[in-house]
Amino acid sequence: MAGTLNKVMLIGNLGDEVKMHYFDDKNCVGRFPIATSETYTSKQTNERITNTEWHNIVVRNKAAEICEKYLSKGDKVYIEGRIKTRKWTDDKGMERYSTEIQCDEFTFLTPKSEQQQSTPSNAIPKTQPSTAPKATPESDDDLPF
């Protein structure tokens, strides 16, 4: 294979709210961490061990605004993008590095019903109990399957 590939696919939970940064030219960047976890059973102790890895996600412009509007801490999200390492010098003159996921595509995986649980219960319409008659075991014989 002659080419190279820089592609990341993650499913994880937001560790914090989306932090936005706006620029003068009407562009913006959103940043948020997501956690992915791996669970296995230790052969020596027979106990379940969970390792959590944190990923710094970066989204830009309209995608960042959508993430800020609809994502909150704890939500599950699918992220596709590429790895990028930034280098900068801090205020003490030390060179620093940060590895981020530059997000190209995302899908919200937390159902809307779970996202709205923070809404007061009196704001959620309640369904009426069903008045349909309950099926009796004798009537199940007429089912085609």
N, C-alpha and C. Protein backbone atom coordinates (compact mmCIF):
# COMPACT_ATOMS: atom_id res chain seq x y z
N MET A 1 0.85 -1.18 0.00
CA MET A 1 0.00 0.00 0.00
C MET A 1 0.89 1.24 0.00
N ALA A 2 0.71 2.10 -0.96
CA ALA A 2 1.59 3.25 -1.12
C ALA A 2 1.14 4.46 -0.32
N GLY A 3 -0.17 4.59 -0.05
CA GLY A 3 -0.68 5.77 0.63
C GLY A 3 -0.64 5.64 2.14
N THR A 4 -1.11 6.67 2.80
CA THR A 4 -1.22 6.65 4.25
C THR A 4 -2.65 6.96 4.65
N LEU A 5 -2.98 6.69 5.89
CA LEU A 5 -4.34 6.92 6.37
C LEU A 5 -4.29 7.44 7.79
N ASN A 6 -5.01 8.50 8.05
CA ASN A 6 -5.13 9.06 9.39
C ASN A 6 -6.62 9.17 9.66
N LYS A 7 -7.20 8.14 10.26
CA LYS A 7 -8.64 8.09 10.50
C LYS A 7 -8.90 7.52 11.89
N VAL A 8 -9.82 8.19 12.60
CA VAL A 8 -10.18 7.78 13.95
C VAL A 8 -11.69 7.64 14.01
N MET A 9 -12.17 6.57 14.64
CA MET A 9 -13.60 6.38 14.90
C MET A 9 -13.75 6.06 16.38
N LEU A 10 -14.54 6.86 17.08
CA LEU A 10 -14.71 6.70 18.52
C LEU A 10 -16.19 6.73 18.88
N ILE A 11 -16.56 5.93 19.86
CA ILE A 11 -17.87 6.04 20.50
C ILE A 11 -17.58 6.21 21.98
N GLY A 12 -18.03 7.32 22.53
CA GLY A 12 -17.75 7.59 23.93
C GLY A 12 -18.74 8.57 24.53
N ASN A 13 -18.49 8.91 25.79
CA ASN A 13 -19.36 9.83 26.51
C ASN A 13 -18.64 11.14 26.77
N LEU A 14 -19.38 12.24 26.62
CA LEU A 14 -18.81 13.55 26.88
C LEU A 14 -18.42 13.68 28.34
N GLY A 15 -17.22 14.18 28.57
CA GLY A 15 -16.74 14.38 29.93
C GLY A 15 -16.99 15.78 30.44
N ASP A 16 -17.43 16.69 29.56
CA ASP A 16 -17.67 18.08 29.94
C ASP A 16 -18.53 18.71 28.85
N GLU A 17 -19.01 19.91 29.11
CA GLU A 17 -19.78 20.66 28.12
C GLU A 17 -18.86 21.11 26.99
N VAL A 18 -19.44 21.42 25.83
CA VAL A 18 -18.67 21.91 24.69
C VAL A 18 -18.23 23.34 25.00
N LYS A 19 -16.93 23.59 24.89
CA LYS A 19 -16.37 24.93 25.10
C LYS A 19 -16.16 25.58 23.75
N MET A 20 -16.75 26.75 23.55
CA MET A 20 -16.69 27.44 22.26
C MET A 20 -15.68 28.58 22.30
N HIS A 21 -15.03 28.80 21.15
CA HIS A 21 -14.15 29.95 20.97
C HIS A 21 -14.50 30.58 19.62
N TYR A 22 -14.86 31.86 19.65
CA TYR A 22 -15.27 32.56 18.43
C TYR A 22 -14.15 33.48 17.96
N PHE A 23 -13.99 33.59 16.64
CA PHE A 23 -12.97 34.42 16.03
C PHE A 23 -13.62 35.62 15.36
N ASP A 24 -12.80 36.62 15.02
CA ASP A 24 -13.30 37.85 14.39
C ASP A 24 -13.93 37.60 13.02
N ASP A 25 -13.44 36.60 12.30
CA ASP A 25 -13.94 36.34 10.94
C ASP A 25 -15.18 35.45 10.92
N LYS A 26 -15.92 35.41 12.03
CA LYS A 26 -17.17 34.66 12.17
C LYS A 26 -16.98 33.13 12.20
N ASN A 27 -15.75 32.68 12.28
CA ASN A 27 -15.50 31.25 12.45
C ASN A 27 -15.48 30.92 13.93
N CYS A 28 -15.66 29.64 14.25
CA CYS A 28 -15.61 29.24 15.66
C CYS A 28 -15.08 27.82 15.77
N VAL A 29 -14.63 27.49 16.98
CA VAL A 29 -14.10 26.16 17.29
C VAL A 29 -14.75 25.71 18.59
N GLY A 30 -15.20 24.46 18.60
CA GLY A 30 -15.72 23.85 19.82
C GLY A 30 -14.79 22.73 20.26
N ARG A 31 -14.58 22.64 21.56
CA ARG A 31 -13.71 21.60 22.11
C ARG A 31 -14.43 20.89 23.24
N PHE A 32 -14.28 19.58 23.29
CA PHE A 32 -14.84 18.81 24.40
C PHE A 32 -14.11 17.48 24.51
N PRO A 33 -14.03 16.94 25.73
CA PRO A 33 -13.41 15.63 25.91
C PRO A 33 -14.46 14.52 25.85
N ILE A 34 -14.08 13.38 25.29
CA ILE A 34 -14.93 12.20 25.41
C ILE A 34 -14.10 11.06 26.01
N ALA A 35 -14.79 10.19 26.72
CA ALA A 35 -14.14 9.04 27.37
C ALA A 35 -14.58 7.76 26.68
N THR A 36 -13.61 6.91 26.39
CA THR A 36 -13.90 5.56 25.91
C THR A 36 -13.35 4.60 26.96
N SER A 37 -14.06 3.50 27.16
CA SER A 37 -13.66 2.56 28.21
C SER A 37 -13.51 1.15 27.65
N GLU A 38 -12.57 0.44 28.23
CA GLU A 38 -12.32 -0.96 27.89
C GLU A 38 -12.42 -1.75 29.19
N THR A 39 -13.22 -2.81 29.20
CA THR A 39 -13.39 -3.62 30.39
C THR A 39 -12.96 -5.05 30.11
N TYR A 40 -12.22 -5.62 31.04
CA TYR A 40 -11.79 -7.00 30.91
C TYR A 40 -11.68 -7.63 32.30
N THR A 41 -11.56 -8.95 32.34
CA THR A 41 -11.42 -9.67 33.60
C THR A 41 -9.96 -10.08 33.77
N SER A 42 -9.38 -9.73 34.90
CA SER A 42 -8.00 -10.08 35.21
C SER A 42 -7.90 -11.58 35.43
N LYS A 43 -6.94 -12.23 34.79
CA LYS A 43 -6.77 -13.67 34.95
C LYS A 43 -6.19 -14.03 36.32
N GLN A 44 -5.39 -13.13 36.90
CA GLN A 44 -4.78 -13.40 38.20
C GLN A 44 -5.79 -13.25 39.33
N THR A 45 -6.57 -12.15 39.33
CA THR A 45 -7.47 -11.87 40.46
C THR A 45 -8.92 -12.17 40.16
N ASN A 46 -9.24 -12.42 38.89
CA ASN A 46 -10.61 -12.70 38.45
C ASN A 46 -11.57 -11.54 38.70
N GLU A 47 -11.04 -10.32 38.81
CA GLU A 47 -11.91 -9.16 38.99
C GLU A 47 -12.00 -8.37 37.68
N ARG A 48 -13.10 -7.63 37.54
CA ARG A 48 -13.31 -6.83 36.34
C ARG A 48 -12.52 -5.54 36.46
N ILE A 49 -11.77 -5.22 35.41
CA ILE A 49 -10.95 -4.02 35.38
C ILE A 49 -11.41 -3.16 34.20
N THR A 50 -11.57 -1.87 34.47
CA THR A 50 -11.98 -0.92 33.43
C THR A 50 -10.89 0.12 33.24
N ASN A 51 -10.45 0.28 32.01
CA ASN A 51 -9.50 1.32 31.65
C ASN A 51 -10.22 2.37 30.83
N THR A 52 -10.10 3.62 31.23
CA THR A 52 -10.75 4.72 30.51
C THR A 52 -9.69 5.57 29.83
N GLU A 53 -9.92 5.88 28.58
CA GLU A 53 -9.03 6.72 27.79
C GLU A 53 -9.79 8.00 27.44
N TRP A 54 -9.13 9.15 27.60
CA TRP A 54 -9.74 10.44 27.30
C TRP A 54 -9.23 10.97 25.98
N HIS A 55 -10.12 11.54 25.18
CA HIS A 55 -9.79 12.07 23.86
C HIS A 55 -10.28 13.52 23.77
N ASN A 56 -9.43 14.40 23.29
CA ASN A 56 -9.81 15.80 23.10
C ASN A 56 -10.35 15.97 21.69
N ILE A 57 -11.61 16.37 21.58
CA ILE A 57 -12.29 16.50 20.30
C ILE A 57 -12.36 17.98 19.91
N VAL A 58 -12.11 18.26 18.63
CA VAL A 58 -12.19 19.62 18.11
C VAL A 58 -13.14 19.62 16.91
N VAL A 59 -14.17 20.47 16.98
CA VAL A 59 -15.10 20.65 15.86
C VAL A 59 -15.09 22.11 15.46
N ARG A 60 -15.41 22.38 14.20
CA ARG A 60 -15.31 23.75 13.69
C ARG A 60 -16.62 24.25 13.12
N ASN A 61 -16.80 25.56 13.22
CA ASN A 61 -17.87 26.32 12.59
C ASN A 61 -19.26 25.77 12.87
N LYS A 62 -20.05 25.47 11.83
CA LYS A 62 -21.44 25.06 12.01
C LYS A 62 -21.54 23.77 12.85
N ALA A 63 -20.63 22.84 12.62
CA ALA A 63 -20.64 21.59 13.39
C ALA A 63 -20.42 21.88 14.87
N ALA A 64 -19.56 22.84 15.18
CA ALA A 64 -19.31 23.21 16.58
C ALA A 64 -20.56 23.81 17.20
N GLU A 65 -21.27 24.64 16.46
CA GLU A 65 -22.49 25.24 16.98
C GLU A 65 -23.57 24.19 17.24
N ILE A 66 -23.66 23.20 16.37
CA ILE A 66 -24.63 22.11 16.54
C ILE A 66 -24.27 21.29 17.79
N CYS A 67 -23.00 20.98 17.96
CA CYS A 67 -22.56 20.22 19.13
C CYS A 67 -22.84 21.00 20.41
N GLU A 68 -22.57 22.31 20.39
CA GLU A 68 -22.82 23.12 21.59
C GLU A 68 -24.30 23.12 21.95
N LYS A 69 -25.15 23.17 20.93
CA LYS A 69 -26.59 23.24 21.16
C LYS A 69 -27.18 21.93 21.68
N TYR A 70 -26.72 20.80 21.15
CA TYR A 70 -27.40 19.53 21.42
C TYR A 70 -26.65 18.57 22.33
N LEU A 71 -25.36 18.77 22.56
CA LEU A 71 -24.60 17.84 23.39
C LEU A 71 -24.42 18.39 24.80
N SER A 72 -24.49 17.51 25.78
CA SER A 72 -24.17 17.88 27.15
C SER A 72 -23.35 16.78 27.80
N LYS A 73 -22.78 17.10 28.94
CA LYS A 73 -21.93 16.17 29.66
C LYS A 73 -22.67 14.86 29.90
N GLY A 74 -21.99 13.74 29.59
CA GLY A 74 -22.58 12.42 29.78
C GLY A 74 -23.20 11.83 28.53
N ASP A 75 -23.52 12.66 27.53
CA ASP A 75 -24.13 12.16 26.30
C ASP A 75 -23.17 11.25 25.54
N LYS A 76 -23.73 10.23 24.89
CA LYS A 76 -22.94 9.31 24.07
C LYS A 76 -22.92 9.85 22.64
N VAL A 77 -21.73 9.80 22.02
CA VAL A 77 -21.57 10.35 20.68
C VAL A 77 -20.59 9.49 19.88
N TYR A 78 -20.84 9.41 18.58
CA TYR A 78 -19.93 8.75 17.65
C TYR A 78 -19.15 9.86 16.94
N ILE A 79 -17.84 9.75 16.91
CA ILE A 79 -16.97 10.76 16.30
C ILE A 79 -16.11 10.10 15.24
N GLU A 80 -16.00 10.75 14.08
CA GLU A 80 -15.07 10.35 13.04
C GLU A 80 -14.18 11.53 12.74
N GLY A 81 -12.90 11.27 12.59
CA GLY A 81 -11.99 12.37 12.29
C GLY A 81 -10.58 11.88 12.10
N ARG A 82 -9.63 12.77 12.39
CA ARG A 82 -8.22 12.44 12.23
C ARG A 82 -7.43 12.95 13.43
N ILE A 83 -6.31 12.32 13.69
CA ILE A 83 -5.45 12.71 14.81
C ILE A 83 -4.56 13.87 14.37
N LYS A 84 -4.45 14.86 15.24
CA LYS A 84 -3.55 15.98 14.98
C LYS A 84 -2.85 16.34 16.28
N THR A 85 -1.54 16.50 16.21
CA THR A 85 -0.75 16.90 17.37
C THR A 85 -0.33 18.35 17.19
N ARG A 86 -0.63 19.15 18.20
CA ARG A 86 -0.24 20.57 18.18
C ARG A 86 0.95 20.75 19.09
N LYS A 87 1.81 21.71 18.73
CA LYS A 87 2.96 22.04 19.55
C LYS A 87 2.93 23.53 19.83
N TRP A 88 3.17 23.90 21.11
CA TRP A 88 3.22 25.31 21.46
C TRP A 88 4.18 25.50 22.61
N THR A 89 4.51 26.75 22.87
CA THR A 89 5.39 27.10 23.98
C THR A 89 4.55 27.76 25.06
N ASP A 90 4.64 27.25 26.29
CA ASP A 90 3.83 27.82 27.37
C ASP A 90 4.49 29.10 27.91
N ASP A 91 3.86 29.73 28.88
CA ASP A 91 4.35 31.00 29.40
C ASP A 91 5.67 30.87 30.17
N LYS A 92 6.09 29.65 30.49
CA LYS A 92 7.38 29.43 31.15
C LYS A 92 8.48 29.08 30.14
N GLY A 93 8.15 29.09 28.85
CA GLY A 93 9.12 28.78 27.81
C GLY A 93 9.27 27.30 27.51
N MET A 94 8.42 26.46 28.11
CA MET A 94 8.49 25.01 27.88
C MET A 94 7.67 24.65 26.63
N GLU A 95 8.21 23.74 25.82
CA GLU A 95 7.46 23.26 24.68
C GLU A 95 6.42 22.25 25.15
N ARG A 96 5.20 22.42 24.70
CA ARG A 96 4.09 21.53 25.07
C ARG A 96 3.51 20.91 23.81
N TYR A 97 2.91 19.72 24.00
CA TYR A 97 2.25 19.01 22.91
C TYR A 97 0.85 18.62 23.34
N SER A 98 -0.05 18.62 22.40
CA SER A 98 -1.42 18.19 22.66
C SER A 98 -1.91 17.39 21.46
N THR A 99 -2.44 16.21 21.73
CA THR A 99 -2.99 15.38 20.65
C THR A 99 -4.50 15.50 20.68
N GLU A 100 -5.08 15.84 19.54
CA GLU A 100 -6.53 16.07 19.43
C GLU A 100 -7.10 15.25 18.29
N ILE A 101 -8.40 15.09 18.34
CA ILE A 101 -9.14 14.48 17.23
C ILE A 101 -9.86 15.60 16.50
N GLN A 102 -9.46 15.87 15.27
CA GLN A 102 -10.14 16.87 14.44
C GLN A 102 -11.37 16.18 13.84
N CYS A 103 -12.54 16.55 14.34
CA CYS A 103 -13.78 15.86 13.99
C CYS A 103 -14.27 16.27 12.60
N ASP A 104 -14.53 15.27 11.75
CA ASP A 104 -15.11 15.51 10.42
C ASP A 104 -16.60 15.18 10.41
N GLU A 105 -16.99 14.14 11.13
CA GLU A 105 -18.38 13.70 11.19
C GLU A 105 -18.72 13.26 12.60
N PHE A 106 -19.98 13.39 12.97
CA PHE A 106 -20.42 12.95 14.29
C PHE A 106 -21.87 12.53 14.22
N THR A 107 -22.26 11.67 15.16
CA THR A 107 -23.65 11.23 15.30
C THR A 107 -23.96 11.20 16.79
N PHE A 108 -25.07 11.83 17.17
CA PHE A 108 -25.50 11.79 18.56
C PHE A 108 -26.14 10.44 18.83
N LEU A 109 -25.72 9.75 19.86
CA LEU A 109 -26.22 8.42 20.16
C LEU A 109 -27.13 8.37 21.38
N THR A 110 -27.17 9.42 22.18
CA THR A 110 -28.07 9.46 23.33
C THR A 110 -29.47 9.77 22.83
N PRO A 111 -30.45 8.91 23.14
CA PRO A 111 -31.82 9.17 22.69
C PRO A 111 -32.35 10.49 23.25
N LYS A 112 -33.22 11.16 22.49
CA LYS A 112 -33.79 12.43 22.92
C LYS A 112 -34.48 12.32 24.27
N SER A 113 -35.13 11.18 24.53
CA SER A 113 -35.84 11.02 25.79
C SER A 113 -34.87 11.10 26.97
N GLU A 114 -33.65 10.56 26.81
CA GLU A 114 -32.66 10.64 27.88
C GLU A 114 -32.08 12.04 27.99
N GLN A 115 -31.97 12.75 26.85
CA GLN A 115 -31.43 14.11 26.87
C GLN A 115 -32.40 15.05 27.57
N GLN A 116 -33.70 14.77 27.51
CA GLN A 116 -34.70 15.66 28.06
C GLN A 116 -35.04 15.34 29.51
N GLN A 117 -34.34 14.39 30.13
CA GLN A 117 -34.64 14.05 31.51
C GLN A 117 -34.36 15.20 32.45
N SER A 118 -33.54 16.15 32.02
CA SER A 118 -33.28 17.30 32.87
C SER A 118 -34.43 18.30 32.81
N THR A 119 -35.38 18.09 31.87
CA THR A 119 -36.55 18.95 31.76
C THR A 119 -37.50 18.65 32.91
N PRO A 120 -38.14 19.66 33.50
CA PRO A 120 -39.08 19.38 34.58
C PRO A 120 -40.18 18.42 34.13
N SER A 121 -40.61 17.54 35.04
CA SER A 121 -41.56 16.50 34.67
C SER A 121 -42.91 17.08 34.25
N ASN A 122 -43.29 18.26 34.74
CA ASN A 122 -44.58 18.82 34.34
C ASN A 122 -44.54 19.38 32.92
N ALA A 123 -43.35 19.50 32.31
CA ALA A 123 -43.25 20.00 30.94
C ALA A 123 -43.34 18.88 29.92
N ILE A 124 -43.22 17.64 30.38
CA ILE A 124 -43.31 16.50 29.47
C ILE A 124 -44.75 16.01 29.43
N PRO A 125 -45.36 15.97 28.22
CA PRO A 125 -46.74 15.51 28.15
C PRO A 125 -46.85 14.06 28.57
N LYS A 126 -47.88 13.76 29.33
CA LYS A 126 -48.10 12.39 29.79
C LYS A 126 -49.10 11.70 28.88
N THR A 127 -48.86 10.43 28.63
CA THR A 127 -49.78 9.67 27.78
C THR A 127 -50.90 9.11 28.64
N GLN A 128 -52.06 8.97 28.02
CA GLN A 128 -53.21 8.40 28.71
C GLN A 128 -53.08 6.89 28.76
N PRO A 129 -53.51 6.26 29.84
CA PRO A 129 -53.46 4.80 29.90
C PRO A 129 -54.37 4.19 28.82
N SER A 130 -53.94 3.08 28.30
CA SER A 130 -54.69 2.42 27.24
C SER A 130 -55.99 1.84 27.78
N THR A 131 -57.08 2.03 27.02
CA THR A 131 -58.37 1.46 27.40
C THR A 131 -58.71 0.26 26.53
N ALA A 132 -57.74 -0.18 25.70
CA ALA A 132 -58.00 -1.33 24.84
C ALA A 132 -58.10 -2.59 25.68
N PRO A 133 -59.00 -3.52 25.30
CA PRO A 133 -59.12 -4.75 26.08
C PRO A 133 -57.86 -5.58 25.97
N LYS A 134 -57.54 -6.28 27.04
CA LYS A 134 -56.35 -7.13 27.05
C LYS A 134 -56.65 -8.42 26.32
N ALA A 135 -55.65 -8.92 25.62
CA ALA A 135 -55.83 -10.16 24.87
C ALA A 135 -55.89 -11.34 25.82
N THR A 136 -56.75 -12.27 25.51
CA THR A 136 -56.84 -13.49 26.31
C THR A 136 -56.05 -14.58 25.62
N PRO A 137 -55.59 -15.58 26.35
CA PRO A 137 -54.80 -16.64 25.73
C PRO A 137 -55.54 -17.34 24.59
N GLU A 138 -56.89 -17.43 24.66
CA GLU A 138 -57.63 -18.11 23.59
C GLU A 138 -57.53 -17.34 22.28
N SER A 139 -57.47 -16.00 22.33
CA SER A 139 -57.45 -15.21 21.10
C SER A 139 -56.07 -15.23 20.42
N ASP A 140 -55.01 -15.70 21.10
CA ASP A 140 -53.69 -15.75 20.51
C ASP A 140 -53.60 -16.82 19.42
N ASP A 141 -54.52 -17.78 19.37
CA ASP A 141 -54.49 -18.84 18.36
C ASP A 141 -54.75 -18.30 16.97
N ASP A 142 -55.38 -17.14 16.83
CA ASP A 142 -55.72 -16.58 15.54
C ASP A 142 -54.56 -15.82 14.90
N LEU A 143 -53.44 -15.67 15.60
CA LEU A 143 -52.31 -14.92 15.07
C LEU A 143 -51.64 -15.69 13.94
N PRO A 144 -51.24 -15.00 12.86
CA PRO A 144 -50.66 -15.69 11.69
C PRO A 144 -49.21 -16.13 11.89
N PHE A 145 -48.63 -15.87 13.02
CA PHE A 145 -47.23 -16.28 13.22
C PHE A 145 -47.05 -17.08 14.47
